[in-house]
Amino acid sequence: MKARDLQLPLDTQKIIALIAVRRCGKTSILYNMINKLSHTIDKTKILFLNFEDERLDLSDEHTRDREVKGLLQACKHFKPNRGCYSDL
């Protein structure tokens, strides 16, 4: 992957949303950020969710909450020592 000039804050306790036009490299930027983070913090504390994944039912707020909670539980169960930083 090509390094980008964009620098995202890695030392924040806040959720970071990266919003831009389609196919401009947002996912690559996030993967680079995950890679940097994985050198300094426990990988089990990193979560990457692709909300464009067709397997997710995001039709309403309650279903979306249930889907995300289910993904988090599955991630902790199946990847307890690796984290959840790949497309689920």
C-alpha atoms as a PDB file:
ATOM      1  CA  MET A   1       0.000   0.000   0.000  1.00  0.00           C
ATOM      2  CA  LYS A   2       1.127   3.498  -0.764  1.00  0.00           C
ATOM      3  CA  ALA A   3       1.576   5.764   2.236  1.00  0.00           C
ATOM      4  CA  ARG A   4      -0.825   8.715   2.294  1.00  0.00           C
ATOM      5  CA  ASP A   5      -0.228  12.270   3.435  1.00  0.00           C
ATOM      6  CA  LEU A   6      -3.322  12.157   5.639  1.00  0.00           C
ATOM      7  CA  GLN A   7      -2.555  11.732   9.338  1.00  0.00           C
ATOM      8  CA  LEU A   8      -5.341  10.479  11.583  1.00  0.00           C
ATOM      9  CA  PRO A   9      -5.057  10.818  15.362  1.00  0.00           C
ATOM     10  CA  LEU A  10      -4.062   7.433  16.768  1.00  0.00           C
ATOM     11  CA  ASP A  11      -3.927   8.523  20.417  1.00  0.00           C
ATOM     12  CA  THR A  12      -7.573   9.462  20.851  1.00  0.00           C
ATOM     13  CA  GLN A  13     -10.207   7.668  22.903  1.00  0.00           C
ATOM     14  CA  LYS A  14     -12.841   8.669  20.346  1.00  0.00           C
ATOM     15  CA  ILE A  15     -14.311   6.876  17.372  1.00  0.00           C
ATOM     16  CA  ILE A  16     -12.871   8.075  14.076  1.00  0.00           C
ATOM     17  CA  ALA A  17     -15.136   8.284  11.029  1.00  0.00           C
ATOM     18  CA  LEU A  18     -13.468   8.695   7.673  1.00  0.00           C
ATOM     19  CA  ILE A  19     -15.956  10.101   5.163  1.00  0.00           C
ATOM     20  CA  ALA A  20     -15.103  10.807   1.518  1.00  0.00           C
ATOM     21  CA  VAL A  21     -16.132  10.043  -2.059  1.00  0.00           C
ATOM     22  CA  ARG A  22     -16.147   6.464  -3.344  1.00  0.00           C
ATOM     23  CA  ARG A  23     -12.913   4.710  -4.331  1.00  0.00           C
ATOM     24  CA  CYS A  24     -10.577   7.397  -3.022  1.00  0.00           C
ATOM     25  CA  GLY A  25      -8.612   5.134  -0.658  1.00  0.00           C
ATOM     26  CA  LYS A  26     -10.539   5.326   2.637  1.00  0.00           C
ATOM     27  CA  THR A  27     -10.211   1.599   3.327  1.00  0.00           C
ATOM     28  CA  SER A  28      -6.485   1.658   2.529  1.00  0.00           C
ATOM     29  CA  ILE A  29      -6.022   4.565   4.936  1.00  0.00           C
ATOM     30  CA  LEU A  30      -7.876   2.667   7.656  1.00  0.00           C
ATOM     31  CA  TYR A  31      -5.848  -0.519   7.044  1.00  0.00           C
ATOM     32  CA  ASN A  32      -2.638   1.525   7.316  1.00  0.00           C
ATOM     33  CA  MET A  33      -3.938   3.037  10.557  1.00  0.00           C
ATOM     34  CA  ILE A  34      -4.778  -0.440  11.909  1.00  0.00           C
ATOM     35  CA  ASN A  35      -1.289  -1.628  10.997  1.00  0.00           C
ATOM     36  CA  LYS A  36       0.310   1.298  12.874  1.00  0.00           C
ATOM     37  CA  LEU A  37      -1.946   0.754  15.885  1.00  0.00           C
ATOM     38  CA  SER A  38      -1.157  -2.959  15.994  1.00  0.00           C
ATOM     39  CA  HIS A  39       2.497  -2.125  16.727  1.00  0.00           C
ATOM     40  CA  THR A  40       1.648  -0.076  19.819  1.00  0.00           C
ATOM     41  CA  ILE A  41      -1.513  -1.544  21.344  1.00  0.00           C
ATOM     42  CA  ASP A  42      -3.068  -4.955  21.904  1.00  0.00           C
ATOM     43  CA  LYS A  43      -4.680  -6.171  18.667  1.00  0.00           C
ATOM     44  CA  THR A  44      -7.709  -7.367  20.612  1.00  0.00           C
ATOM     45  CA  LYS A  45      -8.583  -3.712  21.190  1.00  0.00           C
ATOM     46  CA  ILE A  46      -8.882  -2.966  17.451  1.00  0.00           C
ATOM     47  CA  LEU A  47     -12.209  -3.338  15.667  1.00  0.00           C
ATOM     48  CA  PHE A  48     -12.892  -2.786  11.969  1.00  0.00           C
ATOM     49  CA  LEU A  49     -16.428  -3.255  10.663  1.00  0.00           C
ATOM     50  CA  ASN A  50     -17.327  -2.979   6.998  1.00  0.00           C
ATOM     51  CA  PHE A  51     -20.921  -1.748   6.990  1.00  0.00           C
ATOM     52  CA  GLU A  52     -21.179  -2.354   3.253  1.00  0.00           C
ATOM     53  CA  ASP A  53     -20.911  -6.104   3.867  1.00  0.00           C
ATOM     54  CA  GLU A  54     -24.062  -7.654   2.398  1.00  0.00           C
ATOM     55  CA  ARG A  55     -24.183 -10.212   5.209  1.00  0.00           C
ATOM     56  CA  LEU A  56     -25.135  -7.469   7.680  1.00  0.00           C
ATOM     57  CA  ASP A  57     -28.802  -6.617   8.114  1.00  0.00           C
ATOM     58  CA  LEU A  58     -28.808  -2.890   8.803  1.00  0.00           C
ATOM     59  CA  SER A  59     -32.468  -2.330   7.945  1.00  0.00           C
ATOM     60  CA  ASP A  60     -33.374  -0.631  11.233  1.00  0.00           C
ATOM     61  CA  GLU A  61     -31.764   0.533  14.465  1.00  0.00           C
ATOM     62  CA  HIS A  62     -32.697  -2.509  16.573  1.00  0.00           C
ATOM     63  CA  THR A  63     -31.548  -5.002  13.952  1.00  0.00           C
ATOM     64  CA  ARG A  64     -28.326  -3.029  13.426  1.00  0.00           C
ATOM     65  CA  ASP A  65     -27.591  -3.050  17.176  1.00  0.00           C
ATOM     66  CA  ARG A  66     -28.232  -6.804  17.350  1.00  0.00           C
ATOM     67  CA  GLU A  67     -25.969  -7.435  14.333  1.00  0.00           C
ATOM     68  CA  VAL A  68     -23.084  -5.387  15.747  1.00  0.00           C
ATOM     69  CA  LYS A  69     -23.387  -6.990  19.193  1.00  0.00           C
ATOM     70  CA  GLY A  70     -23.441 -10.430  17.574  1.00  0.00           C
ATOM     71  CA  LEU A  71     -20.321  -9.619  15.551  1.00  0.00           C
ATOM     72  CA  LEU A  72     -18.496  -8.428  18.661  1.00  0.00           C
ATOM     73  CA  GLN A  73     -19.423 -11.602  20.551  1.00  0.00           C
ATOM     74  CA  ALA A  74     -18.371 -13.811  17.636  1.00  0.00           C
ATOM     75  CA  CYS A  75     -15.100 -11.941  17.287  1.00  0.00           C
ATOM     76  CA  LYS A  76     -14.270 -12.353  20.964  1.00  0.00           C
ATOM     77  CA  HIS A  77     -15.169 -16.034  20.790  1.00  0.00           C
ATOM     78  CA  PHE A  78     -13.386 -17.007  17.566  1.00  0.00           C
ATOM     79  CA  LYS A  79     -10.463 -14.560  17.688  1.00  0.00           C
ATOM     80  CA  PRO A  80      -9.783 -14.002  21.396  1.00  0.00           C
ATOM     81  CA  ASN A  81      -6.099 -13.201  20.913  1.00  0.00           C
ATOM     82  CA  ARG A  82      -6.077 -11.591  17.459  1.00  0.00           C
ATOM     83  CA  GLY A  83      -8.639  -8.805  17.484  1.00  0.00           C
ATOM     84  CA  CYS A  84     -11.276  -8.045  14.892  1.00  0.00           C
ATOM     85  CA  TYR A  85      -9.576  -5.897  12.341  1.00  0.00           C
ATOM     86  CA  SER A  86     -10.482  -7.701   9.132  1.00  0.00           C
ATOM     87  CA  ASP A  87     -13.718  -7.629   7.188  1.00  0.00           C
ATOM     88  CA  LEU A  88     -16.167  -9.699   9.173  1.00  0.00           C
END
